[in-house]
Amino acid sequence: MKKKTFVYVCLGSCGAVVSERRYKAGLKKCGAESCNMHGSPLAKREVID
């Protein structure tokens, strides 16, 4: 059985994708100043292989 893997994404115009490891290290909000969702929390998404 495969382990579930997650990423965290910005739902704004930049579409940034952050690994679970970087999210747990503190990267929890969109940091792209040019993004329309700058400063908003990232959304958790499951990775499907």
Protein backbone atom coordinates (compact mmCIF):
# COMPACT_ATOMS: atom_id res chain seq x y z
CA MET A 1 0.00 0.00 0.00
CA LYS A 2 1.34 3.40 -0.97
CA LYS A 3 1.75 6.17 1.57
CA LYS A 4 -0.42 9.21 0.87
CA THR A 5 1.59 12.20 -0.25
CA PHE A 6 0.43 15.78 0.06
CA VAL A 7 1.47 19.15 -1.36
CA TYR A 8 0.24 22.63 -0.50
CA VAL A 9 -0.83 24.96 -3.29
CA CYS A 10 -1.62 28.61 -3.69
CA LEU A 11 -5.07 29.03 -5.21
CA GLY A 12 -4.12 32.44 -6.60
CA SER A 13 -2.58 33.57 -9.86
CA CYS A 14 0.94 32.27 -9.08
CA GLY A 15 -0.17 28.64 -8.55
CA ALA A 16 2.80 27.92 -6.26
CA VAL A 17 3.26 24.32 -5.06
CA VAL A 18 4.99 23.62 -1.72
CA SER A 19 6.14 20.22 -0.46
CA GLU A 20 4.83 18.84 2.82
CA ARG A 21 8.34 19.10 4.29
CA ARG A 22 8.62 22.83 3.47
CA TYR A 23 5.08 23.43 4.74
CA LYS A 24 5.93 21.81 8.08
CA ALA A 25 9.10 23.93 8.18
CA GLY A 26 6.96 27.07 8.21
CA LEU A 27 6.03 27.98 4.63
CA LYS A 28 2.26 28.19 5.18
CA LYS A 29 1.19 31.26 3.18
CA CYS A 30 1.61 32.48 -0.37
CA GLY A 31 4.74 34.61 -0.48
CA ALA A 32 4.70 35.82 -4.09
CA GLU A 33 4.13 39.58 -3.91
CA SER A 34 2.77 39.65 -7.47
CA CYS A 35 0.11 37.01 -6.66
CA ASN A 36 -3.50 38.06 -6.10
CA MET A 37 -3.58 35.72 -3.05
CA HIS A 38 -0.33 37.01 -1.43
CA GLY A 39 -0.41 36.26 2.31
CA SER A 40 -3.29 33.78 2.04
CA PRO A 41 -2.99 30.26 3.49
CA LEU A 42 -1.97 27.44 1.17
CA ALA A 43 -4.48 24.66 0.41
CA LYS A 44 -3.64 20.99 1.07
CA ARG A 45 -3.95 18.64 -1.91
CA GLU A 46 -3.27 14.90 -2.19
CA VAL A 47 -0.79 13.79 -4.85
CA ILE A 48 -2.10 10.97 -7.06
CA ASP A 49 0.54 8.71 -8.65
